[in-house]
Protein backbone atom coordinates (compact mmCIF):
# COMPACT_ATOMS: atom_id res chain seq x y z
CA MET A 1 -0.06 -0.02 -0.06
CA SER A 2 1.39 3.35 -0.88
CA THR A 3 1.81 6.07 1.39
CA LYS A 4 -0.08 9.88 -0.11
CA THR A 5 2.49 12.68 0.21
CA GLY A 6 2.28 16.31 -0.61
CA PRO A 7 -0.70 18.45 -1.26
CA GLN A 8 -3.35 16.48 -2.52
CA ARG A 9 -6.03 19.11 -3.87
CA PHE A 10 -4.50 21.19 -6.39
CA PRO A 11 -5.21 25.16 -5.33
CA GLY A 12 -7.75 27.43 -6.68
CA ALA A 13 -9.85 23.62 -7.55
CA SER A 14 -13.30 23.22 -6.59
CA ARG A 15 -14.55 20.62 -5.37
CA ALA A 16 -18.16 20.62 -6.49
CA ASN A 17 -18.13 17.71 -8.13
CA TRP A 18 -16.14 15.39 -5.60
CA TYR A 19 -16.49 11.77 -5.64
CA GLN A 20 -14.08 10.14 -3.53
CA ASP A 21 -16.20 9.76 -0.63
CA ASP A 22 -18.25 7.74 -3.24
CA PHE A 23 -16.12 5.65 -5.03
CA GLY A 24 -13.03 5.65 -2.90
CA GLY A 25 -10.00 5.12 -4.51
CA ASP A 26 -6.34 3.30 -3.70
CA PRO A 27 -3.95 5.22 -3.07
CA MET A 28 -0.40 6.03 -4.19
CA GLN A 29 2.82 7.52 -5.48
CA VAL A 30 1.44 9.28 -8.78
CA ASP A 31 4.53 9.97 -10.77
CA ALA A 32 2.20 10.22 -14.43
CA VAL A 33 -0.34 12.75 -15.81
CA VAL A 34 -2.80 11.34 -18.57
CA LEU A 35 -4.56 14.04 -20.30
CA HIS A 36 -7.85 13.47 -21.54
CA THR A 37 -10.87 15.27 -23.85
CA THR A 38 -14.86 15.21 -22.82
CA GLU A 39 -15.62 15.50 -26.56
CA GLY A 40 -18.35 17.80 -25.07
CA SER A 41 -18.45 21.45 -24.25
CA ALA A 42 -19.63 21.32 -20.14
CA LEU A 43 -18.47 19.46 -16.55
CA PRO A 44 -19.22 15.79 -17.45
CA GLY A 45 -21.86 14.25 -15.00
CA TYR A 46 -19.39 11.44 -14.93
CA GLY A 47 -22.11 8.62 -13.86
CA GLY A 48 -22.62 9.94 -10.81
CA GLY A 49 -18.47 10.09 -10.43
CA SER A 50 -18.26 5.81 -12.01
CA SER A 51 -16.34 7.36 -14.07
CA ALA A 52 -14.21 10.43 -13.05
CA PRO A 53 -10.68 11.89 -13.53
CA ASN A 54 -8.98 13.03 -10.77
CA LEU A 55 -9.79 16.63 -12.26
CA THR A 56 -11.62 18.84 -15.08
CA ALA A 57 -10.55 21.97 -16.63
CA VAL A 58 -13.43 23.45 -17.91
CA PRO A 59 -12.66 26.59 -20.06
CA ASP A 60 -14.00 29.86 -19.04
CA LEU A 61 -14.21 31.09 -22.49
CA ALA A 62 -14.95 35.23 -21.76
CA ALA A 63 -12.33 35.57 -18.54
CA LYS A 64 -9.82 33.18 -21.00
CA LYS A 65 -9.26 30.33 -18.44
CA LEU A 66 -9.96 27.55 -17.17
CA LYS A 67 -11.64 26.25 -13.94
CA TRP A 68 -10.37 23.32 -11.75
CA TYR A 69 -12.93 20.74 -10.59
CA GLN A 70 -11.16 18.08 -8.36
CA HIS A 71 -12.65 15.38 -7.82
CA PHE A 72 -10.26 13.19 -6.01
CA ASP A 73 -6.96 13.70 -4.19
CA ILE A 74 -4.53 13.66 -6.84
CA GLU A 75 -2.79 10.67 -5.26
CA THR A 76 -5.77 8.46 -4.90
CA SER A 77 -7.00 6.22 -8.25
CA SER A 78 -9.22 7.91 -10.33
CA ARG A 79 -11.67 6.07 -13.28
CA ALA A 80 -11.22 7.46 -16.80
CA LEU A 81 -8.92 5.08 -18.19
CA VAL A 82 -10.16 1.56 -19.77
CA ASN A 83 -8.77 -0.91 -16.82
CA LEU A 84 -9.02 -5.01 -18.57
CA ARG A 85 -8.80 -7.32 -15.47
CA GLY A 86 -6.08 -10.06 -15.67
CA GLY A 87 -4.29 -7.32 -17.74
CA VAL A 88 -2.02 -3.89 -16.26
CA GLU A 89 -3.19 -2.06 -14.69
CA THR A 90 -4.15 1.64 -15.39
CA ASN A 91 -6.16 3.60 -13.25
CA THR A 92 -4.27 2.20 -10.22
CA LEU A 93 -1.02 2.32 -11.22
CA ASN A 94 0.68 5.99 -10.24
CA VAL A 95 -1.43 7.98 -12.29
CA CYS A 96 -3.26 11.45 -11.87
CA GLN A 97 -5.82 12.07 -14.51
CA VAL A 98 -7.46 15.13 -16.13
CA GLU A 99 -10.23 16.07 -18.49
CA LEU A 100 -9.84 18.54 -20.08
CA VAL A 101 -13.97 20.10 -22.05
CA GLY A 102 -13.62 20.44 -25.50
CA THR A 103 -13.28 18.46 -28.54
CA CYS A 104 -10.18 16.99 -30.45
CA ASP A 105 -12.21 15.23 -32.97
CA PRO A 106 -11.74 17.87 -36.70
CA LYS A 107 -15.52 16.44 -37.04
CA THR A 108 -17.32 17.92 -34.13
CA HIS A 109 -15.23 21.16 -34.01
CA ALA A 110 -16.21 22.10 -37.51
CA LYS A 111 -20.22 20.78 -36.67
CA TRP A 112 -20.07 22.99 -33.25
CA GLN A 113 -18.66 25.53 -35.42
CA LYS A 114 -21.28 25.45 -37.83
CA ALA A 115 -24.38 26.14 -35.29
CA GLY A 116 -22.70 28.43 -33.54
CA GLN A 117 -21.71 26.52 -30.68
CA ALA A 118 -18.02 27.98 -28.29
CA HIS A 119 -15.52 25.19 -27.76
CA ILE A 120 -12.15 25.02 -27.61
CA TYR A 121 -10.74 22.78 -30.68
CA TRP A 122 -7.91 20.78 -28.10
CA PRO A 123 -5.48 20.93 -31.26
CA ASP A 124 -6.04 24.51 -32.16
CA ALA A 125 -6.16 25.84 -28.89
CA PRO A 126 -5.73 29.36 -26.93
CA ASP A 127 -2.16 30.12 -25.65
CA TRP A 128 -3.58 31.16 -22.24
CA ALA A 129 -5.99 28.23 -21.86
CA LEU A 130 -2.15 25.40 -22.62
CA GLN A 131 -0.80 27.81 -19.78
CA GLY A 132 -4.47 27.22 -17.88
CA ILE A 133 -2.55 22.88 -18.38
CA ALA A 134 1.18 24.13 -17.88
CA ARG A 135 -0.01 25.61 -14.12
CA PHE A 136 -1.14 22.60 -13.25
CA LEU A 137 1.53 20.65 -14.91
CA ALA A 138 4.85 22.79 -13.29
CA TRP A 139 2.70 22.19 -9.74
CA THR A 140 3.09 18.74 -9.79
CA HIS A 141 6.01 18.47 -10.99
CA GLU A 142 7.18 20.33 -8.02
CA GLU A 143 4.93 18.68 -5.14
CA HIS A 144 5.25 15.48 -7.41
CA GLY A 145 7.89 15.45 -8.84
CA VAL A 146 6.28 14.11 -12.09
CA PRO A 147 8.63 14.61 -14.40
CA LEU A 148 7.81 18.07 -17.43
CA SER A 149 8.29 15.18 -20.35
CA GLY A 150 6.18 13.03 -22.59
CA PRO A 151 6.12 10.96 -25.35
CA LYS A 152 7.16 12.53 -28.95
CA SER A 153 4.79 10.90 -30.82
CA TRP A 154 0.74 12.75 -30.54
CA PRO A 155 -1.05 12.01 -33.12
CA ALA A 156 -3.83 13.86 -34.19
CA TYR A 157 -7.55 12.51 -34.12
CA PRO A 158 -9.40 10.35 -35.25
CA THR A 159 -5.46 8.90 -36.82
CA SER A 160 -4.81 8.21 -33.13
CA TYR A 161 -8.11 6.66 -31.97
CA ALA A 162 -7.30 2.63 -31.57
CA SER A 163 -3.26 3.56 -32.31
CA GLY A 164 -3.72 3.91 -35.82
CA GLY A 165 -0.68 6.32 -35.10
CA GLY A 166 1.49 4.07 -33.76
CA GLN A 167 1.67 5.46 -30.54
CA ARG A 168 0.23 3.61 -27.82
CA MET A 169 2.46 2.54 -25.38
CA THR A 170 2.59 -1.28 -24.75
CA ALA A 171 2.24 -2.74 -21.44
CA ALA A 172 6.40 -2.71 -20.13
CA GLN A 173 6.19 0.84 -21.54
CA TRP A 174 3.24 1.58 -19.97
CA LYS A 175 4.53 0.52 -16.32
CA ALA A 176 8.63 2.43 -16.68
CA PHE A 177 6.20 5.33 -18.03
CA LYS A 178 6.85 8.96 -15.92
CA GLY A 179 5.63 12.30 -16.81
CA VAL A 180 2.63 13.68 -19.08
CA CYS A 181 0.88 11.88 -21.93
CA GLY A 182 -2.54 11.78 -23.44
CA HIS A 183 -5.55 8.60 -23.39
CA MET A 184 -4.48 8.22 -26.34
CA HIS A 185 -1.10 6.32 -24.86
CA VAL A 186 -2.66 4.49 -22.28
CA PRO A 187 -2.52 0.54 -23.30
CA GLU A 188 -5.72 -1.40 -23.19
CA ASN A 189 -7.31 1.78 -23.37
CA VAL A 190 -8.49 2.65 -28.02
CA HIS A 191 -9.41 6.15 -27.14
CA GLY A 192 -7.89 9.04 -29.38
CA ASP A 193 -7.43 11.87 -27.38
CA PRO A 194 -6.53 14.48 -26.74
CA GLY A 195 -5.41 13.86 -30.42
CA ALA A 196 -2.61 16.98 -31.99
CA VAL A 197 -2.32 18.96 -29.46
CA ASP A 198 0.79 21.18 -28.34
CA PHE A 199 2.49 19.53 -25.91
CA ALA A 200 5.80 21.01 -26.62
CA ARG A 201 4.00 24.42 -26.23
CA ILE A 202 2.18 22.92 -22.79
CA VAL A 203 5.70 21.59 -21.78
CA LYS A 204 7.97 24.86 -22.49
CA TYR A 205 5.50 27.03 -20.62
CA ALA A 206 5.57 24.48 -17.10
CA LYS A 207 9.72 25.05 -17.28
CA ALA A 208 8.92 28.73 -17.73
CA GLU A 209 6.86 28.66 -14.56
CA LEU A 210 9.33 27.21 -12.40
CA ASP A 211 12.22 29.32 -13.69
CA LEU A 212 13.50 26.11 -15.76
CA ASP A 213 15.49 25.58 -18.29
CA ASP A 214 13.38 25.00 -21.44
CA ASP A 215 16.64 23.27 -24.13
CA THR A 216 16.36 26.07 -26.07
CA PRO A 217 19.96 27.22 -27.97
CA ALA A 218 22.21 28.95 -26.18
CA THR A 219 22.54 32.89 -26.46
CA THR A 220 25.91 35.27 -26.43
CA THR A 221 24.91 36.32 -22.98
CA PRO A 222 25.95 33.41 -20.42
CA ALA A 223 22.21 31.95 -19.09
CA LYS A 224 21.89 32.22 -14.80
CA PRO A 225 22.41 28.23 -13.35
CA ALA A 226 19.29 26.57 -13.52
CA VAL A 227 17.88 25.37 -9.52
CA PRO A 228 17.05 21.86 -10.68
CA ALA A 229 13.75 21.07 -10.38
CA PHE A 230 12.34 19.92 -6.94
CA PRO A 231 11.80 15.96 -7.39
CA GLY A 232 8.63 15.57 -4.77
CA ARG A 233 8.40 15.71 -1.24
CA LYS A 234 7.86 11.92 -1.01
CA TYR A 235 11.81 11.60 -1.52
CA PHE A 236 12.29 13.40 1.86
CA VAL A 237 10.12 11.36 4.43
CA ALA A 238 11.12 8.32 7.23
CA GLY A 239 12.70 4.99 5.92
CA ALA A 240 13.89 6.94 1.94
CA SER A 241 17.06 6.03 0.61
CA ASN A 242 17.40 7.72 -3.01
CA ALA A 243 19.78 9.94 -4.90
CA TYR A 244 18.65 13.09 -3.47
CA VAL A 245 18.12 12.96 -0.56
CA LEU A 246 22.31 13.53 -1.12
CA GLN A 247 21.97 16.10 -3.60
CA LEU A 248 20.20 18.26 -0.76
CA GLY A 249 22.80 17.07 2.40
CA LYS A 250 25.82 18.40 -0.05
CA GLN A 251 24.43 21.37 -1.11
CA LEU A 252 22.77 22.27 2.96
CA VAL A 253 27.13 21.59 3.50
CA LYS A 254 28.04 23.34 0.93
CA ARG A 255 25.30 26.30 2.26
CA GLY A 256 27.58 25.82 5.94
CA PHE A 257 23.88 24.20 7.23
CA GLY A 258 25.79 20.34 8.14
CA ASP A 259 26.32 20.79 11.72
CA HIS A 260 23.80 17.58 12.28
CA TYR A 261 26.27 15.37 10.50
CA LYS A 262 28.30 13.32 12.11
CA VAL A 263 30.08 11.69 9.18
CA GLY A 264 28.45 13.30 5.90
CA PRO A 265 25.32 13.49 3.45
CA GLY A 266 24.36 9.92 2.56
CA LYS A 267 21.85 8.20 0.41
CA SER A 268 18.71 7.60 3.34
CA TRP A 269 16.90 10.80 5.01
CA GLY A 270 17.38 11.14 8.72
CA GLU A 271 17.11 13.24 11.43
CA ALA A 272 20.27 15.16 11.22
CA ASP A 273 19.03 15.78 7.47
CA ARG A 274 15.80 17.14 8.79
CA LEU A 275 17.59 19.05 11.48
CA ASN A 276 20.14 20.84 9.30
CA VAL A 277 17.28 21.71 6.73
CA ARG A 278 15.41 22.92 9.32
CA ASP A 279 18.77 25.12 9.99
CA PHE A 280 18.20 26.17 6.23
CA GLN A 281 14.62 27.17 7.41
CA LYS A 282 15.29 29.72 10.07
CA SER A 283 17.97 31.16 8.02
CA ARG A 284 15.39 32.61 5.51
CA LYS A 285 12.73 35.10 6.47
CA GLU A 286 10.41 33.42 4.02
CA LEU A 287 10.59 29.64 5.94
CA ARG A 288 10.82 31.03 9.19
CA GLY A 289 6.83 30.05 9.66
CA ASP A 290 6.58 26.40 8.75
CA ALA A 291 10.09 25.59 10.05
CA ASP A 292 9.10 21.58 10.48
CA GLY A 293 12.30 20.28 8.48
CA THR A 294 10.82 18.68 5.99
CA PRO A 295 12.07 20.51 2.38
CA GLY A 296 9.13 21.44 0.34
CA PRO A 297 9.63 22.96 -3.80
CA LEU A 298 10.41 27.11 -1.38
CA THR A 299 13.11 25.56 0.61
CA TRP A 300 14.79 24.44 -2.00
CA ARG A 301 14.04 26.51 -4.14
CA LEU A 302 16.14 28.85 -1.97
CA LEU A 303 18.64 26.38 -0.36
CA PHE A 304 19.31 25.84 -4.80
CA SER A 305 19.44 29.45 -5.25
């Protein structure tokens, strides 16, 4: 059984359509996000929650922003993927699912346009909508360590249906996957959404939110060294042993906050690490009010800045 870590509610998301109390779900440490499109123009009912994702993003076309509705905790399995009995796990395989209200089908787009029905056609989504997705992905990256990367192939619908574009992952690829993908990439599922959404632009916007290097060509002006991405709180809990703990410890020593180490930093998270982090937090006015010794996104950013 996995232990959920970090914040479970996306800031600003409405819980007016909350389904976790009715459908439960399995706890998991999320390392992937799956993007869907609803193929409708309003917030779906999801059969009372029986087929709901973790969150739904509803475009407010007048205000040019996304309104978020959260249905399950970030790290509780939701129900928007096909999960065949005896096959590979889908809904429960460390995945946070997001439905984007609108369409990826060019025929639906044309029909709605002809009828004068306002909507977002996601392959041609406006920047403000892509930036809204990017802000969510930046948050999952900082708080839960979800990589800002994904499949190279995002074929257009209807080619993407039933893996017509050859984009569907194998079971082994899916089990190893970490990052952001579409419904069309998940095994056991035939749907082709979200089609040819501009994933590269979404990632670029997400990295800009976090001041991360977006792999653009170097200019003649030396770039400021990028702060390494915060991997997520789950790497700094009792019993954790990983390279991020060692990276943190070395930086604490470098910044003069290694007094509690008897030998030196290591890969296993322990009380000495916590006390050194707490000392650093007490040294910064931005962190003094919550100097608990547990590194979060702001502590990490200030430590490595």
